N, C-alpha and C. Protein backbone atom coordinates (compact mmCIF):
# COMPACT_ATOMS: atom_id res chain seq x y z
N UNK A 1 -34.60 -15.83 -17.64
CA UNK A 1 -34.10 -14.78 -16.78
C UNK A 1 -34.58 -15.03 -15.35
N UNK A 2 -33.74 -14.63 -14.44
CA UNK A 2 -34.13 -14.77 -13.03
C UNK A 2 -34.92 -13.56 -12.59
N UNK A 3 -35.73 -13.79 -11.61
CA UNK A 3 -36.52 -12.70 -11.07
C UNK A 3 -35.94 -12.28 -9.74
N UNK A 4 -36.34 -11.13 -9.27
CA UNK A 4 -35.83 -10.60 -8.02
C UNK A 4 -36.24 -11.47 -6.84
N UNK A 5 -37.36 -12.17 -6.96
CA UNK A 5 -37.82 -13.03 -5.87
C UNK A 5 -36.91 -14.26 -5.70
N UNK A 6 -36.12 -14.59 -6.72
CA UNK A 6 -35.24 -15.76 -6.64
C UNK A 6 -34.02 -15.51 -5.76
N UNK A 7 -33.69 -14.26 -5.49
CA UNK A 7 -32.53 -13.93 -4.66
C UNK A 7 -32.95 -13.79 -3.21
N UNK A 8 -32.03 -14.14 -2.31
CA UNK A 8 -32.32 -13.97 -0.89
C UNK A 8 -31.24 -13.11 -0.25
N UNK A 9 -31.41 -12.82 1.02
CA UNK A 9 -30.50 -11.91 1.73
C UNK A 9 -29.09 -12.49 1.84
N UNK A 10 -28.95 -13.81 1.89
CA UNK A 10 -27.63 -14.43 2.00
C UNK A 10 -26.80 -14.19 0.73
N UNK A 11 -27.43 -14.26 -0.43
CA UNK A 11 -26.73 -14.01 -1.68
C UNK A 11 -26.33 -12.55 -1.80
N UNK A 12 -27.20 -11.66 -1.34
CA UNK A 12 -26.86 -10.23 -1.35
C UNK A 12 -25.70 -9.96 -0.41
N UNK A 13 -25.72 -10.57 0.77
CA UNK A 13 -24.64 -10.39 1.73
C UNK A 13 -23.32 -10.92 1.18
N UNK A 14 -23.37 -12.07 0.51
CA UNK A 14 -22.16 -12.65 -0.08
C UNK A 14 -21.59 -11.72 -1.16
N UNK A 15 -22.45 -11.12 -1.96
CA UNK A 15 -22.00 -10.18 -2.99
C UNK A 15 -21.36 -8.95 -2.36
N UNK A 16 -22.00 -8.38 -1.35
CA UNK A 16 -21.48 -7.17 -0.70
C UNK A 16 -20.15 -7.44 -0.02
N UNK A 17 -20.03 -8.56 0.67
CA UNK A 17 -18.78 -8.92 1.34
C UNK A 17 -17.68 -9.14 0.31
N UNK A 18 -18.00 -9.76 -0.82
CA UNK A 18 -17.00 -9.98 -1.86
C UNK A 18 -16.49 -8.69 -2.45
N UNK A 19 -17.40 -7.75 -2.71
CA UNK A 19 -17.00 -6.46 -3.28
C UNK A 19 -16.17 -5.68 -2.27
N UNK A 20 -16.61 -5.63 -1.01
CA UNK A 20 -15.85 -4.90 0.02
C UNK A 20 -14.49 -5.53 0.27
N UNK A 21 -14.42 -6.85 0.23
CA UNK A 21 -13.14 -7.53 0.40
C UNK A 21 -12.17 -7.22 -0.73
N UNK A 22 -12.69 -7.16 -1.94
CA UNK A 22 -11.85 -6.83 -3.09
C UNK A 22 -11.34 -5.39 -2.99
N UNK A 23 -12.21 -4.47 -2.61
CA UNK A 23 -11.79 -3.08 -2.45
C UNK A 23 -10.77 -2.94 -1.32
N UNK A 24 -10.97 -3.68 -0.24
CA UNK A 24 -10.00 -3.64 0.86
C UNK A 24 -8.64 -4.16 0.43
N UNK A 25 -8.63 -5.25 -0.33
CA UNK A 25 -7.37 -5.79 -0.84
C UNK A 25 -6.66 -4.81 -1.76
N UNK A 26 -7.43 -4.13 -2.60
CA UNK A 26 -6.85 -3.13 -3.49
C UNK A 26 -6.26 -1.97 -2.69
N UNK A 27 -6.94 -1.55 -1.63
CA UNK A 27 -6.43 -0.46 -0.79
C UNK A 27 -5.13 -0.86 -0.10
N UNK A 28 -5.03 -2.11 0.35
CA UNK A 28 -3.79 -2.59 0.98
C UNK A 28 -2.65 -2.59 -0.02
N UNK A 29 -2.91 -3.04 -1.23
CA UNK A 29 -1.87 -3.07 -2.25
C UNK A 29 -1.39 -1.66 -2.59
N UNK A 30 -2.33 -0.73 -2.73
CA UNK A 30 -1.95 0.65 -3.04
C UNK A 30 -1.18 1.27 -1.88
N UNK A 31 -1.55 0.96 -0.64
CA UNK A 31 -0.87 1.50 0.53
C UNK A 31 0.57 1.01 0.62
N UNK A 32 0.80 -0.26 0.28
CA UNK A 32 2.14 -0.83 0.40
C UNK A 32 3.02 -0.53 -0.80
N UNK A 33 2.45 -0.06 -1.88
CA UNK A 33 3.26 0.23 -3.07
C UNK A 33 4.13 1.46 -2.82
N UNK A 34 5.20 1.55 -3.53
CA UNK A 34 6.14 2.66 -3.38
C UNK A 34 5.97 3.68 -4.49
N UNK A 35 4.75 3.83 -4.98
CA UNK A 35 4.49 4.76 -6.08
C UNK A 35 4.37 6.18 -5.55
N UNK A 36 5.03 7.10 -6.23
CA UNK A 36 4.89 8.51 -5.88
C UNK A 36 3.64 9.07 -6.51
N UNK A 37 3.36 8.69 -7.73
CA UNK A 37 2.14 9.13 -8.38
C UNK A 37 1.65 8.00 -9.30
N UNK A 38 0.35 7.81 -9.32
CA UNK A 38 -0.26 6.75 -10.10
C UNK A 38 -1.14 7.39 -11.17
N UNK A 39 -0.94 6.98 -12.40
CA UNK A 39 -1.76 7.47 -13.50
C UNK A 39 -2.71 6.35 -13.90
N UNK A 40 -4.00 6.53 -13.59
CA UNK A 40 -4.97 5.48 -13.85
C UNK A 40 -5.38 5.44 -15.33
N UNK A 41 -5.15 6.53 -16.06
CA UNK A 41 -5.54 6.52 -17.47
C UNK A 41 -4.66 5.56 -18.27
N UNK A 42 -3.39 5.46 -17.91
CA UNK A 42 -2.46 4.58 -18.62
C UNK A 42 -1.96 3.45 -17.73
N UNK A 43 -2.41 3.39 -16.47
CA UNK A 43 -1.99 2.39 -15.49
C UNK A 43 -0.47 2.41 -15.32
N UNK A 44 0.07 3.61 -15.11
CA UNK A 44 1.50 3.78 -14.89
C UNK A 44 1.74 4.18 -13.45
N UNK A 45 2.90 3.80 -12.95
CA UNK A 45 3.28 4.12 -11.58
C UNK A 45 4.70 4.66 -11.60
N UNK A 46 4.88 5.87 -11.08
CA UNK A 46 6.22 6.44 -10.95
C UNK A 46 6.75 6.02 -9.59
N UNK A 47 7.73 5.12 -9.58
CA UNK A 47 8.22 4.52 -8.34
C UNK A 47 9.29 5.38 -7.68
N UNK A 48 9.29 5.33 -6.35
CA UNK A 48 10.31 6.00 -5.56
C UNK A 48 11.38 4.96 -5.22
N UNK A 49 12.41 4.89 -6.05
CA UNK A 49 13.45 3.87 -5.89
C UNK A 49 14.22 4.07 -4.59
N UNK A 50 14.40 5.32 -4.18
CA UNK A 50 15.13 5.60 -2.94
C UNK A 50 14.42 4.97 -1.74
N UNK A 51 13.10 5.00 -1.72
CA UNK A 51 12.35 4.41 -0.61
C UNK A 51 12.52 2.90 -0.56
N UNK A 52 12.62 2.27 -1.72
CA UNK A 52 12.82 0.82 -1.77
C UNK A 52 14.20 0.46 -1.23
N UNK A 53 15.22 1.22 -1.62
CA UNK A 53 16.58 0.96 -1.14
C UNK A 53 16.66 1.18 0.37
N UNK A 54 16.02 2.25 0.86
CA UNK A 54 16.03 2.51 2.30
C UNK A 54 15.33 1.39 3.07
N UNK A 55 14.24 0.87 2.53
CA UNK A 55 13.54 -0.22 3.21
C UNK A 55 14.40 -1.48 3.25
N UNK A 56 15.12 -1.78 2.17
CA UNK A 56 16.00 -2.94 2.16
C UNK A 56 17.14 -2.76 3.16
N UNK A 57 17.71 -1.54 3.25
CA UNK A 57 18.77 -1.28 4.23
C UNK A 57 18.24 -1.45 5.65
N UNK A 58 17.02 -0.97 5.88
CA UNK A 58 16.40 -1.07 7.20
C UNK A 58 16.20 -2.52 7.60
N UNK A 59 15.81 -3.36 6.66
CA UNK A 59 15.61 -4.77 6.97
C UNK A 59 16.93 -5.48 7.24
N UNK A 60 17.99 -5.10 6.52
CA UNK A 60 19.27 -5.77 6.67
C UNK A 60 20.05 -5.30 7.89
N UNK A 61 20.10 -3.97 8.09
CA UNK A 61 20.98 -3.43 9.14
C UNK A 61 20.24 -2.86 10.34
N UNK A 62 18.97 -2.57 10.21
CA UNK A 62 18.21 -2.00 11.32
C UNK A 62 18.13 -0.49 11.28
N UNK A 63 18.82 0.15 10.32
CA UNK A 63 18.73 1.60 10.15
C UNK A 63 18.99 1.93 8.69
N UNK A 64 18.53 3.11 8.29
CA UNK A 64 18.68 3.50 6.89
C UNK A 64 19.93 4.34 6.65
N UNK A 65 20.46 4.93 7.70
CA UNK A 65 21.65 5.77 7.55
C UNK A 65 21.33 7.19 7.14
N UNK A 66 20.06 7.57 7.17
CA UNK A 66 19.67 8.92 6.75
C UNK A 66 19.41 9.85 7.92
N UNK A 67 19.53 9.38 9.13
CA UNK A 67 19.29 10.23 10.28
C UNK A 67 20.44 11.22 10.41
N UNK A 68 20.13 12.51 10.48
CA UNK A 68 21.22 13.49 10.61
C UNK A 68 21.90 13.33 11.96
N UNK A 69 23.20 13.41 11.94
CA UNK A 69 23.97 13.26 13.17
C UNK A 69 24.22 14.63 13.79
N UNK A 70 24.16 14.66 15.10
CA UNK A 70 24.44 15.90 15.81
C UNK A 70 25.94 16.14 15.82
N UNK A 71 26.37 17.38 15.68
CA UNK A 71 27.80 17.66 15.72
C UNK A 71 28.34 17.39 17.13
N UNK A 72 29.50 16.78 17.16
CA UNK A 72 30.11 16.47 18.46
C UNK A 72 30.71 17.75 19.04
N UNK A 73 30.48 17.96 20.33
CA UNK A 73 31.04 19.13 21.00
C UNK A 73 32.39 18.73 21.61
N UNK A 74 33.37 19.58 21.41
CA UNK A 74 34.69 19.34 21.98
C UNK A 74 34.67 19.72 23.45
N UNK A 75 34.97 18.79 24.29
CA UNK A 75 35.03 19.08 25.73
C UNK A 75 36.45 19.54 26.07
N UNK A 76 36.59 20.72 26.72
CA UNK A 76 37.94 21.22 27.05
C UNK A 76 38.56 20.48 28.20
């Protein structure tokens, strides 16, 4: 077995950076996902399909088509 004296500050720093990097990556993945609700007990994700379709439309055409249009006023 190793003793506590065998570890140095560089190994501790490497461990902490690795854990924080993994948590940061997980946060980025969760942020970019299109899940409306996540169930961690069963690892299920209820996806918002409408948001995915809108994002694809936005990438292809530059707009989603969901902006309400103002009624045109008839000029006499």
